[in-house]
Amino acid sequence: MSAIQMNPTEAAHHAAVAKRAKVFWTGLILGLLGLQVGMCVVGVVMATRTRVPVEPNYYNKGLNWDQQRAAQAASDHLNWTSQLIVTEGAKQEHHKKVTLTLVDADGKTVENVVADVTFYHKARPTDVTSARLMSTSPGVYSAEAPLRYAGWYEFEVKAQRGAQVFLKKTKLNVE
């Protein structure tokens, strides 16, 4: 067998190409491995340091689903309608005015109600806040509530007058 004869210029060129190929492929492999390690570190940091976007007490709500459905059916049977609005005009910074209007099945305002609203920002479901709404006029109840962030909020209204309990869930986009 005879060896392939190369002149020194060709040999140097092939050696340079081989060296560039080694550097390229080694760099590519190490770069991809480094990217994978970096993504894993970011994932671990996000999983351990950020707030978990899971509704609190969700498991217990699931266990009590039958009771919640019965309470909602009783509320629906009242035939009350509600309107919940969020406006500016609160005296404290990062607070907004939350106003609830209640009307019964006959179109009359619902008075003498103990009304509470529980709410959270959809991006921060662990930050649940409650407020007691006070009567400002017949059938109208309001309070100042800490709504720090713009975006979608989920509101749960509970209005009780004697044995009558009105329940309503509403999603509102707060500016």
N, C-alpha and C. Protein backbone atom coordinates (compact mmCIF):
# COMPACT_ATOMS: atom_id res chain seq x y z
N MET A 1 0.83 -1.17 0.00
CA MET A 1 0.00 0.00 0.00
C MET A 1 0.87 1.23 0.00
N SER A 2 0.42 2.15 -0.69
CA SER A 2 1.17 3.39 -0.74
C SER A 2 0.37 4.49 -0.07
N ALA A 3 1.06 5.32 0.61
CA ALA A 3 0.42 6.45 1.30
C ALA A 3 0.17 7.55 0.31
N ILE A 4 -0.87 8.31 0.58
CA ILE A 4 -1.18 9.44 -0.29
C ILE A 4 -0.15 10.52 0.00
N GLN A 5 0.43 10.95 -1.03
CA GLN A 5 1.46 11.97 -0.89
C GLN A 5 0.82 13.36 -1.04
N MET A 6 1.09 14.25 -0.08
CA MET A 6 0.61 15.62 -0.16
C MET A 6 1.81 16.54 -0.04
N ASN A 7 1.69 17.60 -0.76
CA ASN A 7 2.76 18.57 -0.60
C ASN A 7 2.54 19.32 0.71
N PRO A 8 3.53 19.97 1.24
CA PRO A 8 3.42 20.63 2.54
C PRO A 8 2.31 21.68 2.60
N THR A 9 1.99 22.36 1.52
CA THR A 9 0.93 23.37 1.52
C THR A 9 -0.42 22.71 1.71
N GLU A 10 -0.66 21.59 0.98
CA GLU A 10 -1.93 20.87 1.12
C GLU A 10 -2.06 20.29 2.52
N ALA A 11 -0.99 19.76 3.06
CA ALA A 11 -1.02 19.18 4.39
C ALA A 11 -1.35 20.25 5.43
N ALA A 12 -0.77 21.40 5.31
CA ALA A 12 -1.05 22.50 6.24
C ALA A 12 -2.50 22.95 6.12
N HIS A 13 -3.01 23.00 4.87
CA HIS A 13 -4.40 23.40 4.65
C HIS A 13 -5.35 22.38 5.29
N HIS A 14 -5.11 21.09 5.07
CA HIS A 14 -5.97 20.05 5.66
C HIS A 14 -5.88 20.08 7.19
N ALA A 15 -4.72 20.34 7.73
CA ALA A 15 -4.56 20.43 9.19
C ALA A 15 -5.35 21.62 9.74
N ALA A 16 -5.33 22.74 9.02
CA ALA A 16 -6.08 23.93 9.46
C ALA A 16 -7.58 23.67 9.39
N VAL A 17 -8.05 23.00 8.32
CA VAL A 17 -9.48 22.67 8.18
C VAL A 17 -9.90 21.72 9.29
N ALA A 18 -9.07 20.72 9.56
CA ALA A 18 -9.39 19.76 10.62
C ALA A 18 -9.45 20.46 11.98
N LYS A 19 -8.53 21.38 12.22
CA LYS A 19 -8.53 22.11 13.50
C LYS A 19 -9.77 22.98 13.63
N ARG A 20 -10.17 23.67 12.53
CA ARG A 20 -11.39 24.50 12.56
C ARG A 20 -12.62 23.63 12.80
N ALA A 21 -12.65 22.45 12.19
CA ALA A 21 -13.78 21.54 12.38
C ALA A 21 -13.86 21.08 13.84
N LYS A 22 -12.72 20.74 14.43
CA LYS A 22 -12.69 20.34 15.84
C LYS A 22 -13.19 21.47 16.74
N VAL A 23 -12.71 22.66 16.49
CA VAL A 23 -13.12 23.81 17.31
C VAL A 23 -14.62 24.07 17.13
N PHE A 24 -15.11 24.03 15.89
CA PHE A 24 -16.53 24.29 15.62
C PHE A 24 -17.42 23.27 16.32
N TRP A 25 -17.16 21.98 16.10
CA TRP A 25 -18.03 20.94 16.65
C TRP A 25 -17.91 20.86 18.17
N THR A 26 -16.72 21.02 18.69
CA THR A 26 -16.57 21.04 20.15
C THR A 26 -17.30 22.24 20.74
N GLY A 27 -17.15 23.39 20.12
CA GLY A 27 -17.85 24.60 20.59
C GLY A 27 -19.36 24.46 20.49
N LEU A 28 -19.84 23.86 19.41
CA LEU A 28 -21.29 23.67 19.24
C LEU A 28 -21.84 22.75 20.33
N ILE A 29 -21.17 21.64 20.57
CA ILE A 29 -21.63 20.69 21.59
C ILE A 29 -21.59 21.34 22.98
N LEU A 30 -20.48 21.99 23.31
CA LEU A 30 -20.39 22.65 24.61
C LEU A 30 -21.40 23.80 24.74
N GLY A 31 -21.63 24.52 23.65
CA GLY A 31 -22.63 25.59 23.67
C GLY A 31 -24.03 25.07 23.92
N LEU A 32 -24.40 23.98 23.25
CA LEU A 32 -25.73 23.39 23.46
C LEU A 32 -25.88 22.84 24.87
N LEU A 33 -24.83 22.19 25.38
CA LEU A 33 -24.88 21.71 26.76
C LEU A 33 -25.00 22.88 27.74
N GLY A 34 -24.26 23.94 27.50
CA GLY A 34 -24.35 25.13 28.35
C GLY A 34 -25.74 25.75 28.30
N LEU A 35 -26.33 25.80 27.12
CA LEU A 35 -27.69 26.32 26.97
C LEU A 35 -28.67 25.47 27.77
N GLN A 36 -28.53 24.15 27.71
CA GLN A 36 -29.41 23.25 28.46
C GLN A 36 -29.26 23.47 29.96
N VAL A 37 -28.03 23.58 30.44
CA VAL A 37 -27.81 23.82 31.87
C VAL A 37 -28.40 25.17 32.27
N GLY A 38 -28.21 26.19 31.45
CA GLY A 38 -28.77 27.50 31.74
C GLY A 38 -30.29 27.48 31.80
N MET A 39 -30.92 26.77 30.88
CA MET A 39 -32.39 26.67 30.89
C MET A 39 -32.86 25.92 32.13
N CYS A 40 -32.14 24.90 32.55
CA CYS A 40 -32.51 24.18 33.78
C CYS A 40 -32.39 25.08 35.00
N VAL A 41 -31.34 25.88 35.07
CA VAL A 41 -31.17 26.81 36.19
C VAL A 41 -32.32 27.82 36.22
N VAL A 42 -32.66 28.37 35.07
CA VAL A 42 -33.78 29.32 34.99
C VAL A 42 -35.08 28.64 35.43
N GLY A 43 -35.31 27.41 35.00
CA GLY A 43 -36.52 26.69 35.39
C GLY A 43 -36.59 26.45 36.88
N VAL A 44 -35.47 26.06 37.49
CA VAL A 44 -35.45 25.83 38.93
C VAL A 44 -35.69 27.13 39.69
N VAL A 45 -35.06 28.21 39.25
CA VAL A 45 -35.26 29.51 39.92
C VAL A 45 -36.71 29.95 39.80
N MET A 46 -37.29 29.82 38.63
CA MET A 46 -38.68 30.23 38.45
C MET A 46 -39.62 29.36 39.27
N ALA A 47 -39.33 28.08 39.37
CA ALA A 47 -40.20 27.18 40.12
C ALA A 47 -40.12 27.41 41.62
N THR A 48 -38.98 27.88 42.10
CA THR A 48 -38.82 28.03 43.55
C THR A 48 -38.97 29.46 44.05
N ARG A 49 -38.86 30.44 43.19
CA ARG A 49 -38.87 31.83 43.66
C ARG A 49 -40.09 32.62 43.25
N THR A 50 -40.83 32.20 42.27
CA THR A 50 -41.99 32.98 41.83
C THR A 50 -43.24 32.47 42.52
N ARG A 51 -44.26 33.31 42.51
CA ARG A 51 -45.54 32.91 43.10
C ARG A 51 -46.20 31.85 42.22
N VAL A 52 -46.82 30.92 42.89
CA VAL A 52 -47.47 29.83 42.17
C VAL A 52 -48.85 30.30 41.74
N PRO A 53 -49.16 30.28 40.44
CA PRO A 53 -50.47 30.75 39.99
C PRO A 53 -51.56 29.68 40.14
N VAL A 54 -51.79 29.25 41.38
CA VAL A 54 -52.82 28.25 41.65
C VAL A 54 -53.78 28.87 42.65
N GLU A 55 -55.05 28.70 42.38
CA GLU A 55 -56.06 29.26 43.28
C GLU A 55 -55.94 28.60 44.65
N PRO A 56 -55.84 29.40 45.72
CA PRO A 56 -55.71 28.81 47.04
C PRO A 56 -56.96 28.04 47.44
N ASN A 57 -56.76 27.01 48.24
CA ASN A 57 -57.86 26.22 48.79
C ASN A 57 -58.68 25.52 47.71
N TYR A 58 -58.08 25.30 46.56
CA TYR A 58 -58.81 24.72 45.44
C TYR A 58 -59.26 23.29 45.73
N TYR A 59 -58.43 22.53 46.43
CA TYR A 59 -58.77 21.14 46.74
C TYR A 59 -60.01 21.08 47.63
N ASN A 60 -60.05 21.91 48.68
CA ASN A 60 -61.22 21.92 49.56
C ASN A 60 -62.47 22.39 48.84
N LYS A 61 -62.31 23.32 47.90
CA LYS A 61 -63.46 23.74 47.11
C LYS A 61 -64.00 22.56 46.30
N GLY A 62 -63.09 21.75 45.81
CA GLY A 62 -63.52 20.55 45.07
C GLY A 62 -64.24 19.56 45.97
N LEU A 63 -63.76 19.39 47.19
CA LEU A 63 -64.41 18.48 48.12
C LEU A 63 -65.81 18.97 48.49
N ASN A 64 -65.98 20.28 48.57
CA ASN A 64 -67.27 20.87 48.96
C ASN A 64 -68.11 21.28 47.75
N TRP A 65 -67.84 20.69 46.61
CA TRP A 65 -68.51 21.09 45.37
C TRP A 65 -70.02 20.94 45.46
N ASP A 66 -70.50 19.83 46.05
CA ASP A 66 -71.95 19.62 46.14
C ASP A 66 -72.62 20.71 46.97
N GLN A 67 -72.01 21.09 48.08
CA GLN A 67 -72.58 22.15 48.92
C GLN A 67 -72.54 23.49 48.18
N GLN A 68 -71.46 23.73 47.45
CA GLN A 68 -71.36 24.98 46.68
C GLN A 68 -72.43 25.03 45.59
N ARG A 69 -72.66 23.92 44.92
CA ARG A 69 -73.69 23.88 43.87
C ARG A 69 -75.07 24.11 44.48
N ALA A 70 -75.34 23.52 45.65
CA ALA A 70 -76.64 23.72 46.30
C ALA A 70 -76.82 25.19 46.71
N ALA A 71 -75.77 25.79 47.25
CA ALA A 71 -75.84 27.21 47.63
C ALA A 71 -76.03 28.09 46.40
N GLN A 72 -75.35 27.76 45.30
CA GLN A 72 -75.51 28.54 44.07
C GLN A 72 -76.91 28.38 43.49
N ALA A 73 -77.47 27.17 43.58
CA ALA A 73 -78.84 26.94 43.10
C ALA A 73 -79.84 27.75 43.92
N ALA A 74 -79.65 27.80 45.24
CA ALA A 74 -80.53 28.61 46.09
C ALA A 74 -80.38 30.09 45.74
N SER A 75 -79.17 30.52 45.47
CA SER A 75 -78.93 31.90 45.07
C SER A 75 -79.60 32.21 43.74
N ASP A 76 -79.46 31.31 42.78
CA ASP A 76 -80.09 31.51 41.47
C ASP A 76 -81.61 31.56 41.59
N HIS A 77 -82.16 30.80 42.54
CA HIS A 77 -83.61 30.77 42.73
C HIS A 77 -84.15 32.12 43.24
N LEU A 78 -83.30 32.93 43.87
CA LEU A 78 -83.72 34.26 44.31
C LEU A 78 -84.05 35.17 43.13
N ASN A 79 -83.42 34.93 41.99
CA ASN A 79 -83.60 35.76 40.79
C ASN A 79 -83.15 37.20 40.99
N TRP A 80 -82.17 37.40 41.86
CA TRP A 80 -81.60 38.72 42.02
C TRP A 80 -80.60 38.95 40.89
N THR A 81 -80.46 40.19 40.48
CA THR A 81 -79.42 40.53 39.51
C THR A 81 -78.46 41.52 40.17
N SER A 82 -77.25 41.48 39.70
CA SER A 82 -76.24 42.35 40.29
C SER A 82 -75.42 43.01 39.20
N GLN A 83 -74.87 44.14 39.56
CA GLN A 83 -73.90 44.81 38.69
C GLN A 83 -72.75 45.24 39.59
N LEU A 84 -71.56 44.79 39.23
CA LEU A 84 -70.36 45.14 39.98
C LEU A 84 -69.49 46.00 39.09
N ILE A 85 -69.13 47.18 39.58
CA ILE A 85 -68.26 48.06 38.80
C ILE A 85 -67.09 48.51 39.67
N VAL A 86 -65.97 48.75 39.03
CA VAL A 86 -64.77 49.24 39.70
C VAL A 86 -64.42 50.57 39.06
N THR A 87 -64.29 51.61 39.89
CA THR A 87 -64.01 52.95 39.38
C THR A 87 -62.88 53.59 40.18
N GLU A 88 -62.36 54.67 39.61
CA GLU A 88 -61.39 55.49 40.34
C GLU A 88 -62.15 56.25 41.42
N GLY A 89 -61.44 57.02 42.19
CA GLY A 89 -62.12 57.85 43.18
C GLY A 89 -61.87 57.41 44.60
N ALA A 90 -61.03 56.41 44.79
CA ALA A 90 -60.70 56.00 46.15
C ALA A 90 -59.74 57.01 46.76
N LYS A 91 -59.79 57.13 48.07
CA LYS A 91 -58.95 58.11 48.76
C LYS A 91 -57.52 57.63 48.94
N GLN A 92 -57.33 56.32 49.06
CA GLN A 92 -55.99 55.77 49.26
C GLN A 92 -55.34 55.42 47.93
N GLU A 93 -54.00 55.49 47.92
CA GLU A 93 -53.25 55.13 46.72
C GLU A 93 -53.40 53.62 46.46
N HIS A 94 -53.46 53.24 45.20
CA HIS A 94 -53.61 51.85 44.75
C HIS A 94 -54.94 51.24 45.19
N HIS A 95 -55.90 52.05 45.53
CA HIS A 95 -57.23 51.57 45.88
C HIS A 95 -58.21 52.06 44.82
N LYS A 96 -59.26 51.30 44.63
CA LYS A 96 -60.32 51.69 43.72
C LYS A 96 -61.65 51.51 44.45
N LYS A 97 -62.66 52.15 43.92
CA LYS A 97 -63.99 52.05 44.51
C LYS A 97 -64.72 50.88 43.83
N VAL A 98 -65.15 49.92 44.64
CA VAL A 98 -65.91 48.77 44.16
C VAL A 98 -67.36 49.00 44.55
N THR A 99 -68.26 48.99 43.57
CA THR A 99 -69.67 49.27 43.81
C THR A 99 -70.52 48.12 43.30
N LEU A 100 -71.43 47.66 44.16
CA LEU A 100 -72.35 46.57 43.84
C LEU A 100 -73.77 47.12 43.88
N THR A 101 -74.53 46.85 42.83
CA THR A 101 -75.95 47.21 42.79
C THR A 101 -76.75 45.92 42.73
N LEU A 102 -77.73 45.77 43.63
CA LEU A 102 -78.56 44.57 43.69
C LEU A 102 -80.02 44.91 43.42
N VAL A 103 -80.63 44.12 42.57
CA VAL A 103 -82.05 44.29 42.22
C VAL A 103 -82.71 42.92 42.32
N ASP A 104 -83.92 42.86 42.91
CA ASP A 104 -84.60 41.57 43.03
C ASP A 104 -85.38 41.23 41.77
N ALA A 105 -86.12 40.13 41.82
CA ALA A 105 -86.84 39.63 40.65
C ALA A 105 -87.93 40.60 40.19
N ASP A 106 -88.44 41.43 41.09
CA ASP A 106 -89.49 42.39 40.75
C ASP A 106 -88.93 43.72 40.28
N GLY A 107 -87.61 43.85 40.20
CA GLY A 107 -86.99 45.09 39.76
C GLY A 107 -86.78 46.10 40.88
N LYS A 108 -87.03 45.68 42.12
CA LYS A 108 -86.84 46.58 43.26
C LYS A 108 -85.44 46.39 43.82
N THR A 109 -84.91 47.47 44.39
CA THR A 109 -83.57 47.37 44.97
C THR A 109 -83.60 46.46 46.19
N VAL A 110 -82.52 45.74 46.39
CA VAL A 110 -82.39 44.84 47.54
C VAL A 110 -81.67 45.60 48.64
N GLU A 111 -82.38 45.81 49.74
CA GLU A 111 -81.83 46.61 50.84
C GLU A 111 -81.54 45.74 52.05
N ASN A 112 -80.85 46.34 53.03
CA ASN A 112 -80.52 45.67 54.30
C ASN A 112 -79.74 44.38 54.08
N VAL A 113 -78.72 44.48 53.27
CA VAL A 113 -77.90 43.32 52.92
C VAL A 113 -76.53 43.48 53.55
N VAL A 114 -75.97 42.37 54.00
CA VAL A 114 -74.56 42.34 54.39
C VAL A 114 -73.82 41.80 53.18
N ALA A 115 -73.03 42.65 52.55
CA ALA A 115 -72.37 42.29 51.29
C ALA A 115 -70.86 42.26 51.46
N ASP A 116 -70.27 41.18 50.99
CA ASP A 116 -68.82 41.04 50.99
C ASP A 116 -68.36 40.69 49.59
N VAL A 117 -67.17 41.15 49.25
CA VAL A 117 -66.58 40.80 47.97
C VAL A 117 -65.17 40.27 48.24
N THR A 118 -64.85 39.17 47.60
CA THR A 118 -63.52 38.58 47.67
C THR A 118 -62.97 38.61 46.26
N PHE A 119 -61.71 38.99 46.11
CA PHE A 119 -61.18 39.13 44.75
C PHE A 119 -59.69 38.86 44.71
N TYR A 120 -59.23 38.56 43.50
CA TYR A 120 -57.79 38.39 43.27
C TYR A 120 -57.50 38.68 41.81
N HIS A 121 -56.29 39.13 41.56
CA HIS A 121 -55.82 39.37 40.19
C HIS A 121 -55.55 38.00 39.57
N LYS A 122 -55.94 37.82 38.31
CA LYS A 122 -55.79 36.51 37.66
C LYS A 122 -54.34 36.06 37.59
N ALA A 123 -53.39 36.98 37.53
CA ALA A 123 -51.97 36.61 37.49
C ALA A 123 -51.41 36.36 38.89
N ARG A 124 -52.17 36.70 39.93
CA ARG A 124 -51.71 36.54 41.31
C ARG A 124 -52.81 35.92 42.16
N PRO A 125 -53.21 34.69 41.87
CA PRO A 125 -54.34 34.10 42.58
C PRO A 125 -54.08 33.80 44.05
N THR A 126 -52.84 33.87 44.49
CA THR A 126 -52.57 33.64 45.91
C THR A 126 -52.78 34.91 46.74
N ASP A 127 -52.91 36.06 46.09
CA ASP A 127 -53.15 37.32 46.79
C ASP A 127 -54.65 37.60 46.85
N VAL A 128 -55.35 36.85 47.68
CA VAL A 128 -56.80 37.00 47.81
C VAL A 128 -57.10 38.08 48.84
N THR A 129 -58.00 38.99 48.48
CA THR A 129 -58.38 40.10 49.35
C THR A 129 -59.89 40.13 49.48
N SER A 130 -60.37 40.52 50.65
CA SER A 130 -61.81 40.65 50.89
C SER A 130 -62.13 42.05 51.36
N ALA A 131 -63.34 42.48 51.08
CA ALA A 131 -63.80 43.79 51.54
C ALA A 131 -65.29 43.70 51.87
N ARG A 132 -65.68 44.40 52.93
CA ARG A 132 -67.08 44.51 53.30
C ARG A 132 -67.64 45.72 52.59
N LEU A 133 -68.72 45.54 51.83
CA LEU A 133 -69.36 46.63 51.10
C LEU A 133 -70.42 47.25 51.99
N MET A 134 -70.39 48.56 52.09
CA MET A 134 -71.34 49.29 52.93
C MET A 134 -72.42 49.93 52.06
N SER A 135 -73.61 50.04 52.59
CA SER A 135 -74.72 50.63 51.86
C SER A 135 -74.48 52.13 51.67
N THR A 136 -74.56 52.58 50.41
CA THR A 136 -74.40 54.00 50.13
C THR A 136 -75.71 54.63 49.70
N SER A 137 -76.62 53.83 49.20
CA SER A 137 -77.98 54.24 48.86
C SER A 137 -78.79 52.95 48.72
N PRO A 138 -80.10 53.03 48.61
CA PRO A 138 -80.90 51.81 48.54
C PRO A 138 -80.44 50.88 47.39
N GLY A 139 -80.02 49.68 47.77
CA GLY A 139 -79.61 48.69 46.78
C GLY A 139 -78.21 48.86 46.25
N VAL A 140 -77.48 49.86 46.74
CA VAL A 140 -76.12 50.12 46.26
C VAL A 140 -75.16 50.00 47.44
N TYR A 141 -74.12 49.21 47.25
CA TYR A 141 -73.14 48.93 48.29
C TYR A 141 -71.75 49.16 47.71
N SER A 142 -70.87 49.79 48.49
CA SER A 142 -69.53 50.06 47.94
C SER A 142 -68.49 50.06 49.05
N ALA A 143 -67.24 49.96 48.59
CA ALA A 143 -66.08 50.00 49.48
C ALA A 143 -64.86 50.36 48.66
N GLU A 144 -63.84 50.85 49.35
CA GLU A 144 -62.55 51.06 48.71
C GLU A 144 -61.75 49.78 48.90
N ALA A 145 -61.15 49.30 47.83
CA ALA A 145 -60.43 48.03 47.89
C ALA A 145 -59.07 48.17 47.23
N PRO A 146 -58.08 47.45 47.74
CA PRO A 146 -56.73 47.52 47.16
C PRO A 146 -56.63 46.73 45.86
N LEU A 147 -56.70 47.43 44.76
CA LEU A 147 -56.54 46.83 43.42
C LEU A 147 -55.28 47.45 42.83
N ARG A 148 -54.14 46.85 43.13
CA ARG A 148 -52.84 47.45 42.80
C ARG A 148 -52.45 47.31 41.34
N TYR A 149 -52.96 46.30 40.68
CA TYR A 149 -52.48 45.99 39.33
C TYR A 149 -53.61 46.14 38.32
N ALA A 150 -53.26 46.60 37.14
CA ALA A 150 -54.23 46.61 36.05
C ALA A 150 -54.34 45.19 35.51
N GLY A 151 -55.50 44.88 34.96
CA GLY A 151 -55.69 43.56 34.36
C GLY A 151 -56.96 42.90 34.85
N TRP A 152 -57.06 41.62 34.59
CA TRP A 152 -58.27 40.86 34.91
C TRP A 152 -58.28 40.41 36.37
N TYR A 153 -59.40 40.66 37.02
CA TYR A 153 -59.64 40.23 38.39
C TYR A 153 -60.84 39.29 38.41
N GLU A 154 -60.83 38.37 39.35
CA GLU A 154 -62.00 37.55 39.60
C GLU A 154 -62.60 38.00 40.92
N PHE A 155 -63.90 38.33 40.89
CA PHE A 155 -64.62 38.79 42.07
C PHE A 155 -65.67 37.75 42.44
N GLU A 156 -65.78 37.49 43.74
CA GLU A 156 -66.84 36.63 44.27
C GLU A 156 -67.65 37.48 45.25
N VAL A 157 -68.92 37.67 44.92
CA VAL A 157 -69.80 38.49 45.75
C VAL A 157 -70.67 37.57 46.59
N LYS A 158 -70.80 37.91 47.86
CA LYS A 158 -71.74 37.22 48.75
C LYS A 158 -72.56 38.29 49.45
N ALA A 159 -73.86 38.28 49.18
CA ALA A 159 -74.77 39.25 49.80
C ALA A 159 -75.84 38.47 50.56
N GLN A 160 -75.98 38.77 51.84
CA GLN A 160 -76.90 38.01 52.68
C GLN A 160 -77.90 38.94 53.35
N ARG A 161 -79.17 38.53 53.25
CA ARG A 161 -80.25 39.24 53.93
C ARG A 161 -81.08 38.17 54.63
N GLY A 162 -80.90 38.06 55.93
CA GLY A 162 -81.58 37.00 56.67
C GLY A 162 -81.08 35.64 56.18
N ALA A 163 -82.03 34.78 55.79
CA ALA A 163 -81.67 33.45 55.29
C ALA A 163 -81.36 33.46 53.80
N GLN A 164 -81.63 34.58 53.14
CA GLN A 164 -81.37 34.68 51.70
C GLN A 164 -79.90 35.01 51.46
N VAL A 165 -79.25 34.18 50.63
CA VAL A 165 -77.84 34.38 50.32
C VAL A 165 -77.69 34.43 48.80
N PHE A 166 -77.13 35.54 48.33
CA PHE A 166 -76.88 35.73 46.90
C PHE A 166 -75.39 35.55 46.65
N LEU A 167 -75.07 34.70 45.67
CA LEU A 167 -73.68 34.43 45.30
C LEU A 167 -73.47 34.73 43.83
N LYS A 168 -72.37 35.38 43.52
CA LYS A 168 -72.08 35.71 42.12
C LYS A 168 -70.58 35.79 41.92
N LYS A 169 -70.10 35.15 40.85
CA LYS A 169 -68.70 35.28 40.44
C LYS A 169 -68.67 36.13 39.19
N THR A 170 -67.74 37.08 39.15
CA THR A 170 -67.62 37.99 38.02
C THR A 170 -66.16 38.21 37.71
N LYS A 171 -65.84 38.29 36.42
CA LYS A 171 -64.49 38.65 35.99
C LYS A 171 -64.55 40.06 35.41
N LEU A 172 -63.67 40.94 35.88
CA LEU A 172 -63.64 42.32 35.40
C LEU A 172 -62.22 42.70 35.02
N ASN A 173 -62.10 43.49 33.97
CA ASN A 173 -60.81 44.04 33.58
C ASN A 173 -60.68 45.42 34.22
N VAL A 174 -59.73 45.56 35.12
CA VAL A 174 -59.53 46.80 35.86
C VAL A 174 -58.39 47.57 35.22
N GLU A 175 -58.63 48.83 34.91
CA GLU A 175 -57.60 49.68 34.28
C GLU A 175 -56.70 50.29 35.32
